[in-house]
């Protein structure tokens, strides 16, 4: 685990404990105040089982937020998600509706959102899936079905209906590789350039 990640896990565990305590208090208050003939709510549907390739979640937090820092303590990324699920190794988090910011040398360079994502603390990577949209501080926009950001490699890769836009120019491709602020990009496969009026 890299430096600074211990604090992230402490915040997530603290939030989980707080949510559990709040839920227990609400349950106890409801039980004390409920008349004996109170209606019973129907049971909720059980969540779909985890795929065999994924470790089962051991903790789930609604409205989670966490970030990573470099060796100098500068923020490298920040992610918020509607739901954050931690796997049993506590090295990987699954995100629902993630939004966030990537930083370079402590400066925000890219904002993003997606349908879902994963954060791998060991590999120091953020993977975004489904309707991924990113915008650089300079106004470059990237859309794709899958985007992976590697902190160690300081690069972004994108695949699946890749669109890179700046001003009136849009480039389509099958694959993109870029630096985090989308200034040095390489596009591969079925590359097409479009210019709007």
N, C-alpha and C. Protein backbone atom coordinates (compact mmCIF):
# COMPACT_ATOMS: atom_id res chain seq x y z
N UNK A 1 0.85 -1.18 0.00
CA UNK A 1 0.00 0.00 0.00
C UNK A 1 0.89 1.23 0.00
N UNK A 2 0.60 2.25 -0.86
CA UNK A 2 1.48 3.41 -0.94
C UNK A 2 1.17 4.39 0.18
N UNK A 3 2.13 5.32 0.47
CA UNK A 3 1.91 6.29 1.54
C UNK A 3 0.66 7.10 1.27
N UNK A 4 -0.06 7.39 2.27
CA UNK A 4 -1.28 8.19 2.17
C UNK A 4 -2.53 7.36 2.01
N UNK A 5 -2.40 6.10 1.57
CA UNK A 5 -3.61 5.30 1.38
C UNK A 5 -4.18 4.82 2.71
N UNK A 6 -3.33 4.76 3.76
CA UNK A 6 -3.84 4.35 5.07
C UNK A 6 -4.91 5.33 5.56
N UNK A 7 -4.67 6.61 5.33
CA UNK A 7 -5.65 7.62 5.73
C UNK A 7 -6.96 7.48 4.97
N UNK A 8 -6.87 7.10 3.68
CA UNK A 8 -8.07 6.91 2.87
C UNK A 8 -8.91 5.80 3.45
N UNK A 9 -8.27 4.69 3.79
CA UNK A 9 -9.01 3.55 4.33
C UNK A 9 -9.59 3.89 5.69
N UNK A 10 -8.87 4.67 6.51
CA UNK A 10 -9.41 5.06 7.81
C UNK A 10 -10.67 5.91 7.64
N UNK A 11 -10.66 6.81 6.66
CA UNK A 11 -11.84 7.65 6.40
C UNK A 11 -13.00 6.77 5.94
N UNK A 12 -12.74 5.83 5.02
CA UNK A 12 -13.80 4.96 4.53
C UNK A 12 -14.36 4.07 5.63
N UNK A 13 -13.48 3.50 6.46
CA UNK A 13 -13.94 2.65 7.56
C UNK A 13 -14.72 3.48 8.57
N UNK A 14 -14.25 4.71 8.86
CA UNK A 14 -14.98 5.59 9.78
C UNK A 14 -16.36 5.93 9.26
N UNK A 15 -16.44 6.20 7.95
CA UNK A 15 -17.75 6.51 7.36
C UNK A 15 -18.68 5.30 7.43
N UNK A 16 -18.13 4.12 7.20
CA UNK A 16 -18.93 2.90 7.27
C UNK A 16 -19.43 2.68 8.69
N UNK A 17 -18.57 2.84 9.68
CA UNK A 17 -18.97 2.66 11.08
C UNK A 17 -20.04 3.68 11.45
N UNK A 18 -19.85 4.93 11.01
CA UNK A 18 -20.85 5.96 11.29
C UNK A 18 -22.20 5.62 10.68
N UNK A 19 -22.19 5.10 9.44
CA UNK A 19 -23.44 4.72 8.78
C UNK A 19 -24.11 3.56 9.52
N UNK A 20 -23.30 2.60 9.98
CA UNK A 20 -23.86 1.47 10.72
C UNK A 20 -24.47 1.93 12.05
N UNK A 21 -23.79 2.83 12.76
CA UNK A 21 -24.32 3.34 14.03
C UNK A 21 -25.62 4.12 13.81
N UNK A 22 -25.64 4.95 12.75
CA UNK A 22 -26.85 5.72 12.46
C UNK A 22 -28.01 4.79 12.11
N UNK A 23 -27.72 3.74 11.33
CA UNK A 23 -28.77 2.78 10.98
C UNK A 23 -29.29 2.03 12.19
N UNK A 24 -28.39 1.65 13.10
CA UNK A 24 -28.80 0.95 14.32
C UNK A 24 -29.66 1.85 15.18
N UNK A 25 -29.27 3.12 15.33
CA UNK A 25 -30.06 4.05 16.14
C UNK A 25 -31.45 4.25 15.53
N UNK A 26 -31.51 4.40 14.20
CA UNK A 26 -32.81 4.58 13.55
C UNK A 26 -33.68 3.35 13.74
N UNK A 27 -33.10 2.17 13.64
CA UNK A 27 -33.85 0.92 13.84
C UNK A 27 -34.40 0.84 15.26
N UNK A 28 -33.55 1.15 16.25
CA UNK A 28 -34.00 1.07 17.64
C UNK A 28 -35.10 2.08 17.93
N UNK A 29 -34.95 3.29 17.41
CA UNK A 29 -35.98 4.31 17.63
C UNK A 29 -37.29 3.90 16.95
N UNK A 30 -37.21 3.33 15.78
CA UNK A 30 -38.41 2.90 15.07
C UNK A 30 -39.09 1.76 15.83
N UNK A 31 -38.29 0.82 16.35
CA UNK A 31 -38.85 -0.32 17.08
C UNK A 31 -39.54 0.13 18.37
N UNK A 32 -38.96 1.10 19.08
CA UNK A 32 -39.58 1.57 20.34
C UNK A 32 -40.88 2.30 20.09
N UNK A 33 -40.92 3.09 19.01
CA UNK A 33 -42.10 3.91 18.76
C UNK A 33 -43.16 3.23 17.93
N UNK A 34 -42.91 2.06 17.37
CA UNK A 34 -43.86 1.41 16.49
C UNK A 34 -44.91 0.66 17.29
N UNK A 35 -46.21 0.84 16.96
CA UNK A 35 -47.25 0.06 17.63
C UNK A 35 -47.13 -1.40 17.22
N UNK A 36 -47.70 -2.27 18.05
CA UNK A 36 -47.58 -3.71 17.81
C UNK A 36 -48.26 -4.15 16.52
N UNK A 37 -49.20 -3.35 16.01
CA UNK A 37 -49.88 -3.72 14.78
C UNK A 37 -49.31 -2.97 13.57
N UNK A 38 -48.08 -2.49 13.68
CA UNK A 38 -47.46 -1.75 12.57
C UNK A 38 -47.29 -2.68 11.38
N UNK A 39 -47.53 -2.16 10.16
CA UNK A 39 -47.39 -3.01 8.97
C UNK A 39 -45.94 -3.43 8.77
N UNK A 40 -45.79 -4.62 8.26
CA UNK A 40 -44.46 -5.15 7.98
C UNK A 40 -44.12 -4.84 6.54
N UNK A 41 -42.93 -4.27 6.31
CA UNK A 41 -42.53 -3.95 4.96
C UNK A 41 -42.10 -5.22 4.25
N UNK A 42 -42.40 -5.32 2.95
CA UNK A 42 -41.98 -6.51 2.20
C UNK A 42 -40.46 -6.56 2.12
N UNK A 43 -39.88 -7.76 2.06
CA UNK A 43 -38.43 -7.86 1.98
C UNK A 43 -37.92 -7.28 0.68
N UNK A 44 -36.72 -6.70 0.73
CA UNK A 44 -36.09 -6.11 -0.45
C UNK A 44 -35.47 -7.22 -1.28
N UNK A 45 -35.34 -6.97 -2.58
CA UNK A 45 -34.68 -7.92 -3.46
C UNK A 45 -33.24 -8.08 -3.05
N UNK A 46 -32.73 -9.27 -3.08
CA UNK A 46 -31.32 -9.52 -2.76
C UNK A 46 -30.46 -8.99 -3.91
N UNK A 47 -29.30 -8.38 -3.58
CA UNK A 47 -28.43 -7.87 -4.64
C UNK A 47 -27.89 -9.02 -5.48
N UNK A 48 -27.57 -8.72 -6.73
CA UNK A 48 -27.02 -9.74 -7.62
C UNK A 48 -25.68 -10.21 -7.07
N UNK A 49 -25.38 -11.51 -7.17
CA UNK A 49 -24.11 -12.00 -6.66
C UNK A 49 -22.95 -11.43 -7.46
N UNK A 50 -21.80 -11.29 -6.79
CA UNK A 50 -20.60 -10.78 -7.44
C UNK A 50 -20.11 -11.79 -8.45
N UNK A 51 -19.53 -11.29 -9.53
CA UNK A 51 -19.00 -12.22 -10.53
C UNK A 51 -17.80 -12.94 -9.94
N UNK A 52 -17.50 -14.14 -10.43
CA UNK A 52 -16.39 -14.90 -9.88
C UNK A 52 -15.06 -14.17 -10.01
N UNK A 53 -14.93 -13.27 -11.00
CA UNK A 53 -13.66 -12.56 -11.20
C UNK A 53 -13.45 -11.48 -10.15
N UNK A 54 -14.49 -11.05 -9.47
CA UNK A 54 -14.38 -9.98 -8.49
C UNK A 54 -14.45 -10.54 -7.08
N UNK A 55 -13.71 -9.91 -6.17
CA UNK A 55 -13.82 -10.29 -4.77
C UNK A 55 -15.12 -9.73 -4.24
N UNK A 56 -15.81 -10.45 -3.34
CA UNK A 56 -17.06 -9.92 -2.79
C UNK A 56 -16.81 -8.66 -1.96
N UNK A 57 -17.77 -7.75 -2.02
CA UNK A 57 -17.64 -6.51 -1.26
C UNK A 57 -17.77 -6.80 0.23
N UNK A 58 -16.90 -6.18 1.03
CA UNK A 58 -16.98 -6.34 2.48
C UNK A 58 -17.52 -5.07 3.11
N UNK A 59 -17.51 -3.98 2.37
CA UNK A 59 -18.04 -2.72 2.89
C UNK A 59 -18.63 -1.94 1.74
N UNK A 60 -19.73 -1.27 2.02
CA UNK A 60 -20.37 -0.44 1.01
C UNK A 60 -20.79 0.86 1.66
N UNK A 61 -20.42 1.97 1.03
CA UNK A 61 -20.71 3.29 1.58
C UNK A 61 -21.45 4.09 0.52
N UNK A 62 -22.55 4.73 0.90
CA UNK A 62 -23.26 5.60 -0.02
C UNK A 62 -22.67 6.99 0.07
N UNK A 63 -22.49 7.61 -1.08
CA UNK A 63 -21.95 8.97 -1.11
C UNK A 63 -20.49 9.03 -0.69
N UNK A 64 -19.67 8.10 -1.14
CA UNK A 64 -18.26 8.06 -0.75
C UNK A 64 -17.40 9.03 -1.54
N UNK A 65 -16.33 9.48 -0.91
CA UNK A 65 -15.35 10.35 -1.55
C UNK A 65 -13.98 9.98 -1.01
N UNK A 66 -12.99 9.88 -1.90
CA UNK A 66 -11.63 9.64 -1.47
C UNK A 66 -10.66 10.14 -2.52
N UNK A 67 -9.37 10.20 -2.15
CA UNK A 67 -8.36 10.74 -3.05
C UNK A 67 -7.03 10.05 -2.81
N UNK A 68 -6.11 10.28 -3.75
CA UNK A 68 -4.76 9.73 -3.64
C UNK A 68 -3.74 10.85 -3.76
N UNK A 69 -2.61 10.66 -3.11
CA UNK A 69 -1.55 11.68 -3.13
C UNK A 69 -0.25 11.05 -3.61
N UNK A 70 0.67 11.91 -4.10
CA UNK A 70 1.99 11.42 -4.51
C UNK A 70 2.93 11.42 -3.31
N UNK A 71 4.20 11.07 -3.56
CA UNK A 71 5.17 10.97 -2.47
C UNK A 71 5.45 12.30 -1.77
N UNK A 72 5.10 13.42 -2.43
CA UNK A 72 5.28 14.75 -1.82
C UNK A 72 4.01 15.22 -1.11
N UNK A 73 2.98 14.36 -1.08
CA UNK A 73 1.73 14.71 -0.41
C UNK A 73 0.78 15.53 -1.26
N UNK A 74 1.10 15.70 -2.55
CA UNK A 74 0.22 16.47 -3.44
C UNK A 74 -0.89 15.56 -3.97
N UNK A 75 -2.09 16.10 -4.01
CA UNK A 75 -3.24 15.34 -4.49
C UNK A 75 -3.03 14.96 -5.96
N UNK A 76 -3.27 13.67 -6.28
CA UNK A 76 -3.14 13.17 -7.64
C UNK A 76 -4.50 12.90 -8.27
N UNK A 77 -5.46 12.52 -7.46
CA UNK A 77 -6.80 12.27 -7.94
C UNK A 77 -7.79 12.39 -6.79
N UNK A 78 -9.02 12.66 -7.17
CA UNK A 78 -10.11 12.77 -6.20
C UNK A 78 -11.34 12.16 -6.87
N UNK A 79 -12.02 11.27 -6.17
CA UNK A 79 -13.19 10.59 -6.74
C UNK A 79 -14.34 10.66 -5.75
N UNK A 80 -15.52 10.97 -6.28
CA UNK A 80 -16.77 10.88 -5.53
C UNK A 80 -17.64 9.88 -6.27
N UNK A 81 -18.45 9.14 -5.53
CA UNK A 81 -19.35 8.18 -6.18
C UNK A 81 -20.63 8.05 -5.37
N UNK A 82 -21.70 7.72 -6.06
CA UNK A 82 -22.99 7.52 -5.38
C UNK A 82 -22.86 6.36 -4.40
N UNK A 83 -22.21 5.27 -4.82
CA UNK A 83 -21.98 4.12 -3.95
C UNK A 83 -20.55 3.65 -4.16
N UNK A 84 -19.83 3.39 -3.06
CA UNK A 84 -18.48 2.84 -3.11
C UNK A 84 -18.51 1.49 -2.39
N UNK A 85 -18.05 0.43 -3.08
CA UNK A 85 -17.97 -0.90 -2.49
C UNK A 85 -16.51 -1.33 -2.45
N UNK A 86 -16.05 -1.74 -1.26
CA UNK A 86 -14.67 -2.21 -1.10
C UNK A 86 -14.64 -3.72 -1.16
N UNK A 87 -13.63 -4.28 -1.83
CA UNK A 87 -13.52 -5.74 -1.88
C UNK A 87 -12.80 -6.25 -0.63
N UNK A 88 -12.76 -7.56 -0.50
CA UNK A 88 -12.21 -8.16 0.72
C UNK A 88 -10.73 -7.89 0.90
N UNK A 89 -10.00 -7.58 -0.17
CA UNK A 89 -8.57 -7.27 -0.04
C UNK A 89 -8.36 -5.82 0.39
N UNK A 90 -9.41 -5.02 0.30
CA UNK A 90 -9.38 -3.59 0.63
C UNK A 90 -8.39 -2.82 -0.24
N UNK A 91 -8.07 -3.38 -1.39
CA UNK A 91 -7.18 -2.73 -2.33
C UNK A 91 -7.92 -2.23 -3.56
N UNK A 92 -9.19 -2.62 -3.70
CA UNK A 92 -9.97 -2.26 -4.89
C UNK A 92 -11.36 -1.79 -4.47
N UNK A 93 -11.78 -0.69 -5.05
CA UNK A 93 -13.11 -0.15 -4.79
C UNK A 93 -13.89 -0.11 -6.10
N UNK A 94 -15.16 -0.47 -6.05
CA UNK A 94 -16.06 -0.39 -7.19
C UNK A 94 -16.94 0.83 -6.97
N UNK A 95 -17.13 1.62 -8.01
CA UNK A 95 -17.83 2.91 -7.90
C UNK A 95 -19.06 2.93 -8.79
N UNK A 96 -20.15 3.48 -8.28
CA UNK A 96 -21.34 3.73 -9.09
C UNK A 96 -21.45 5.23 -9.30
N UNK A 97 -21.60 5.64 -10.55
CA UNK A 97 -21.71 7.04 -10.96
C UNK A 97 -20.57 7.89 -10.42
N UNK A 98 -19.32 7.51 -10.72
CA UNK A 98 -18.20 8.30 -10.22
C UNK A 98 -18.02 9.62 -10.96
N UNK A 99 -17.59 10.63 -10.22
CA UNK A 99 -17.15 11.91 -10.78
C UNK A 99 -15.84 12.22 -10.09
N UNK A 100 -15.01 13.01 -10.73
CA UNK A 100 -13.75 13.31 -10.07
C UNK A 100 -12.85 14.24 -10.84
N UNK A 101 -11.65 14.37 -10.30
CA UNK A 101 -10.65 15.27 -10.85
C UNK A 101 -9.30 14.56 -10.82
N UNK A 102 -8.53 14.71 -11.92
CA UNK A 102 -7.14 14.27 -11.94
C UNK A 102 -6.26 15.49 -11.79
N UNK A 103 -5.17 15.34 -11.06
CA UNK A 103 -4.25 16.44 -10.80
C UNK A 103 -2.87 16.12 -11.35
N UNK A 104 -2.12 17.14 -11.68
CA UNK A 104 -0.71 17.01 -12.04
C UNK A 104 0.05 18.06 -11.23
N UNK A 105 0.99 17.60 -10.44
CA UNK A 105 1.79 18.48 -9.57
C UNK A 105 0.90 19.38 -8.72
N UNK A 106 -0.20 18.81 -8.21
CA UNK A 106 -1.10 19.53 -7.33
C UNK A 106 -2.11 20.42 -8.03
N UNK A 107 -2.10 20.46 -9.36
CA UNK A 107 -3.00 21.33 -10.13
C UNK A 107 -4.04 20.48 -10.86
N UNK A 108 -5.33 20.86 -10.76
CA UNK A 108 -6.40 20.13 -11.45
C UNK A 108 -6.20 20.25 -12.95
N UNK A 109 -6.14 19.10 -13.64
CA UNK A 109 -5.94 19.11 -15.09
C UNK A 109 -7.08 18.46 -15.86
N UNK A 110 -7.90 17.63 -15.19
CA UNK A 110 -8.95 16.92 -15.91
C UNK A 110 -10.10 16.57 -14.98
N UNK A 111 -11.33 16.86 -15.41
CA UNK A 111 -12.53 16.47 -14.66
C UNK A 111 -13.21 15.35 -15.43
N UNK A 112 -13.86 14.42 -14.69
CA UNK A 112 -14.48 13.29 -15.35
C UNK A 112 -15.75 12.83 -14.66
N UNK A 113 -16.53 12.03 -15.42
CA UNK A 113 -17.70 11.33 -14.88
C UNK A 113 -17.94 10.10 -15.74
N UNK A 114 -18.61 9.11 -15.14
CA UNK A 114 -18.88 7.86 -15.85
C UNK A 114 -20.03 7.14 -15.18
N UNK A 115 -20.50 6.06 -15.80
CA UNK A 115 -21.56 5.25 -15.21
C UNK A 115 -21.04 4.42 -14.04
N UNK A 116 -19.84 3.88 -14.18
CA UNK A 116 -19.23 3.10 -13.10
C UNK A 116 -17.72 3.15 -13.22
N UNK A 117 -17.05 2.63 -12.20
CA UNK A 117 -15.60 2.65 -12.24
C UNK A 117 -14.99 1.77 -11.16
N UNK A 118 -13.68 1.69 -11.19
CA UNK A 118 -12.91 0.92 -10.21
C UNK A 118 -11.66 1.71 -9.85
N UNK A 119 -11.28 1.64 -8.59
CA UNK A 119 -10.02 2.21 -8.14
C UNK A 119 -9.19 1.07 -7.59
N UNK A 120 -7.99 0.90 -8.13
CA UNK A 120 -7.07 -0.14 -7.68
C UNK A 120 -5.93 0.56 -6.94
N UNK A 121 -5.93 0.45 -5.60
CA UNK A 121 -4.94 1.14 -4.79
C UNK A 121 -3.54 0.57 -5.00
N UNK A 122 -3.44 -0.74 -5.19
CA UNK A 122 -2.14 -1.39 -5.36
C UNK A 122 -1.50 -0.93 -6.68
N UNK A 123 -2.26 -1.00 -7.77
CA UNK A 123 -1.75 -0.62 -9.08
C UNK A 123 -1.75 0.90 -9.28
N UNK A 124 -2.47 1.61 -8.42
CA UNK A 124 -2.61 3.07 -8.49
C UNK A 124 -3.22 3.47 -9.84
N UNK A 125 -4.40 2.85 -10.10
CA UNK A 125 -5.13 3.11 -11.33
C UNK A 125 -6.59 3.38 -11.05
N UNK A 126 -7.19 4.22 -11.90
CA UNK A 126 -8.63 4.46 -11.88
C UNK A 126 -9.16 4.03 -13.25
N UNK A 127 -10.15 3.14 -13.26
CA UNK A 127 -10.77 2.67 -14.50
C UNK A 127 -12.21 3.15 -14.51
N UNK A 128 -12.63 3.78 -15.60
CA UNK A 128 -13.98 4.31 -15.75
C UNK A 128 -14.66 3.57 -16.90
N UNK A 129 -15.94 3.22 -16.69
CA UNK A 129 -16.66 2.41 -17.67
C UNK A 129 -18.04 3.00 -17.96
N UNK A 130 -18.42 3.00 -19.22
CA UNK A 130 -19.76 3.41 -19.62
C UNK A 130 -19.97 4.90 -19.64
N UNK A 131 -20.19 5.45 -20.83
CA UNK A 131 -20.50 6.87 -20.98
C UNK A 131 -19.47 7.76 -20.27
N UNK A 132 -18.20 7.46 -20.46
CA UNK A 132 -17.13 8.24 -19.82
C UNK A 132 -17.00 9.58 -20.52
N UNK A 133 -16.99 10.65 -19.72
CA UNK A 133 -16.81 12.00 -20.25
C UNK A 133 -15.75 12.71 -19.42
N UNK A 134 -14.78 13.30 -20.13
CA UNK A 134 -13.69 14.01 -19.46
C UNK A 134 -13.51 15.37 -20.13
N UNK A 135 -13.06 16.34 -19.33
CA UNK A 135 -12.75 17.66 -19.89
C UNK A 135 -11.50 18.20 -19.21
N UNK A 136 -10.55 18.63 -20.04
CA UNK A 136 -9.30 19.17 -19.51
C UNK A 136 -9.49 20.61 -19.09
N UNK A 137 -8.53 21.13 -18.33
CA UNK A 137 -8.58 22.52 -17.89
C UNK A 137 -8.52 23.47 -19.09
N UNK A 138 -7.95 23.02 -20.22
CA UNK A 138 -7.85 23.85 -21.43
C UNK A 138 -9.06 23.69 -22.35
N UNK A 139 -10.04 22.86 -21.97
CA UNK A 139 -11.27 22.73 -22.75
C UNK A 139 -11.31 21.56 -23.72
N UNK A 140 -10.30 20.70 -23.73
CA UNK A 140 -10.36 19.50 -24.57
C UNK A 140 -11.32 18.52 -23.93
N UNK A 141 -12.16 17.86 -24.76
CA UNK A 141 -13.15 16.93 -24.25
C UNK A 141 -12.91 15.54 -24.82
N UNK A 142 -13.02 14.54 -23.95
CA UNK A 142 -12.85 13.15 -24.35
C UNK A 142 -14.10 12.38 -23.95
N UNK A 143 -14.63 11.59 -24.90
CA UNK A 143 -15.73 10.67 -24.61
C UNK A 143 -15.31 9.28 -25.06
N UNK A 144 -15.65 8.27 -24.26
CA UNK A 144 -15.34 6.88 -24.62
C UNK A 144 -16.16 5.95 -23.74
N UNK A 145 -16.13 4.68 -24.06
CA UNK A 145 -16.82 3.69 -23.24
C UNK A 145 -15.95 3.18 -22.09
N UNK A 146 -14.62 3.25 -22.26
CA UNK A 146 -13.72 2.80 -21.21
C UNK A 146 -12.48 3.70 -21.20
N UNK A 147 -12.13 4.19 -20.01
CA UNK A 147 -10.92 5.00 -19.84
C UNK A 147 -10.19 4.50 -18.61
N UNK A 148 -8.88 4.33 -18.73
CA UNK A 148 -8.05 3.94 -17.59
C UNK A 148 -6.98 5.00 -17.40
N UNK A 149 -6.83 5.45 -16.16
CA UNK A 149 -5.77 6.40 -15.81
C UNK A 149 -4.80 5.69 -14.88
N UNK A 150 -3.53 5.70 -15.24
CA UNK A 150 -2.48 5.11 -14.43
C UNK A 150 -1.63 6.22 -13.82
N UNK A 151 -1.62 6.29 -12.50
CA UNK A 151 -0.80 7.30 -11.83
C UNK A 151 0.68 7.00 -12.06
N UNK A 152 1.08 5.73 -11.96
CA UNK A 152 2.50 5.37 -12.13
C UNK A 152 3.00 5.73 -13.52
N UNK A 153 2.21 5.43 -14.56
CA UNK A 153 2.62 5.70 -15.94
C UNK A 153 2.30 7.13 -16.37
N UNK A 154 1.51 7.83 -15.57
CA UNK A 154 1.08 9.20 -15.89
C UNK A 154 0.45 9.25 -17.28
N UNK A 155 -0.46 8.30 -17.55
CA UNK A 155 -1.12 8.31 -18.85
C UNK A 155 -2.56 7.82 -18.75
N UNK A 156 -3.32 8.19 -19.77
CA UNK A 156 -4.71 7.80 -19.92
C UNK A 156 -4.81 6.95 -21.18
N UNK A 157 -5.56 5.86 -21.11
CA UNK A 157 -5.90 5.10 -22.31
C UNK A 157 -7.42 5.06 -22.41
N UNK A 158 -7.92 5.14 -23.62
CA UNK A 158 -9.37 5.12 -23.84
C UNK A 158 -9.69 4.21 -25.01
N UNK A 159 -10.83 3.51 -24.92
CA UNK A 159 -11.26 2.64 -26.02
C UNK A 159 -12.78 2.62 -26.07
N UNK A 160 -13.30 2.20 -27.22
CA UNK A 160 -14.75 2.10 -27.39
C UNK A 160 -15.38 3.43 -27.74
N UNK A 161 -15.55 3.68 -29.04
CA UNK A 161 -16.19 4.91 -29.51
C UNK A 161 -15.51 6.15 -28.94
N UNK A 162 -14.23 6.30 -29.22
CA UNK A 162 -13.44 7.42 -28.69
C UNK A 162 -13.69 8.67 -29.52
N UNK A 163 -14.00 9.77 -28.82
CA UNK A 163 -14.17 11.08 -29.44
C UNK A 163 -13.29 12.07 -28.66
N UNK A 164 -12.42 12.77 -29.36
CA UNK A 164 -11.60 13.82 -28.75
C UNK A 164 -11.93 15.12 -29.45
N UNK A 165 -12.39 16.12 -28.69
CA UNK A 165 -12.84 17.39 -29.28
C UNK A 165 -12.11 18.56 -28.67
N UNK A 166 -11.86 19.55 -29.53
CA UNK A 166 -11.34 20.84 -29.07
C UNK A 166 -11.86 21.89 -30.04
N UNK A 167 -12.60 22.84 -29.50
CA UNK A 167 -13.22 23.85 -30.35
C UNK A 167 -14.16 23.20 -31.35
N UNK A 168 -13.97 23.48 -32.65
CA UNK A 168 -14.84 22.93 -33.70
C UNK A 168 -14.31 21.62 -34.28
N UNK A 169 -13.17 21.15 -33.78
CA UNK A 169 -12.54 19.95 -34.31
C UNK A 169 -12.84 18.74 -33.43
N UNK A 170 -13.28 17.63 -34.06
CA UNK A 170 -13.53 16.38 -33.35
C UNK A 170 -12.81 15.26 -34.09
N UNK A 171 -12.06 14.44 -33.35
CA UNK A 171 -11.38 13.29 -33.92
C UNK A 171 -11.98 12.04 -33.30
N UNK A 172 -12.37 11.07 -34.16
CA UNK A 172 -12.91 9.79 -33.71
C UNK A 172 -11.84 8.73 -33.93
N UNK A 173 -11.83 7.73 -33.03
CA UNK A 173 -10.87 6.62 -33.19
C UNK A 173 -11.33 5.44 -32.35
N UNK A 174 -10.64 4.32 -32.51
CA UNK A 174 -10.92 3.13 -31.71
C UNK A 174 -10.19 3.17 -30.37
N UNK A 175 -9.03 3.84 -30.36
CA UNK A 175 -8.16 3.81 -29.18
C UNK A 175 -7.43 5.14 -29.04
N UNK A 176 -7.23 5.58 -27.80
CA UNK A 176 -6.48 6.80 -27.51
C UNK A 176 -5.51 6.53 -26.38
N UNK A 177 -4.33 7.13 -26.49
CA UNK A 177 -3.37 7.14 -25.39
C UNK A 177 -2.93 8.58 -25.23
N UNK A 178 -2.88 9.07 -23.97
CA UNK A 178 -2.61 10.48 -23.75
C UNK A 178 -2.00 10.73 -22.39
N UNK A 179 -1.43 11.93 -22.24
CA UNK A 179 -1.04 12.39 -20.91
C UNK A 179 -2.33 12.83 -20.19
N UNK A 180 -2.28 13.03 -18.87
CA UNK A 180 -3.52 13.33 -18.13
C UNK A 180 -4.24 14.62 -18.51
N UNK A 181 -3.55 15.58 -19.12
CA UNK A 181 -4.28 16.81 -19.48
C UNK A 181 -4.65 16.86 -20.97
N UNK A 182 -4.54 15.72 -21.65
CA UNK A 182 -4.96 15.57 -23.04
C UNK A 182 -4.23 16.49 -24.01
N UNK A 183 -2.95 16.79 -23.74
CA UNK A 183 -2.17 17.64 -24.65
C UNK A 183 -1.33 16.81 -25.61
N UNK A 184 -0.84 15.67 -25.17
CA UNK A 184 -0.02 14.79 -26.02
C UNK A 184 -0.80 13.50 -26.23
N UNK A 185 -1.52 13.42 -27.34
CA UNK A 185 -2.39 12.27 -27.58
C UNK A 185 -1.95 11.49 -28.81
N UNK A 186 -2.26 10.21 -28.78
CA UNK A 186 -2.04 9.33 -29.92
C UNK A 186 -3.34 8.57 -30.13
N UNK A 187 -3.89 8.66 -31.35
CA UNK A 187 -5.14 7.99 -31.69
C UNK A 187 -4.86 6.90 -32.72
N UNK A 188 -5.49 5.73 -32.53
CA UNK A 188 -5.22 4.58 -33.39
C UNK A 188 -6.55 3.92 -33.79
N UNK A 189 -6.61 3.43 -35.02
CA UNK A 189 -7.73 2.64 -35.49
C UNK A 189 -8.92 3.44 -35.96
N UNK A 190 -9.21 3.37 -37.26
CA UNK A 190 -10.37 4.06 -37.85
C UNK A 190 -10.42 5.54 -37.48
N UNK A 191 -9.30 6.22 -37.55
CA UNK A 191 -9.23 7.63 -37.18
C UNK A 191 -9.94 8.48 -38.24
N UNK A 192 -10.87 9.31 -37.78
CA UNK A 192 -11.62 10.21 -38.66
C UNK A 192 -11.65 11.59 -38.02
N UNK A 193 -11.44 12.62 -38.83
CA UNK A 193 -11.43 14.00 -38.35
C UNK A 193 -12.65 14.72 -38.90
N UNK A 194 -13.35 15.42 -38.02
CA UNK A 194 -14.55 16.19 -38.42
C UNK A 194 -14.38 17.61 -37.91
N UNK A 195 -14.81 18.56 -38.73
CA UNK A 195 -14.79 19.95 -38.31
C UNK A 195 -16.17 20.53 -38.50
N UNK A 196 -16.74 21.06 -37.41
CA UNK A 196 -18.07 21.67 -37.48
C UNK A 196 -17.94 23.12 -37.91
N UNK A 197 -19.00 23.63 -38.47
CA UNK A 197 -19.02 25.03 -38.95
C UNK A 197 -19.25 25.98 -37.82
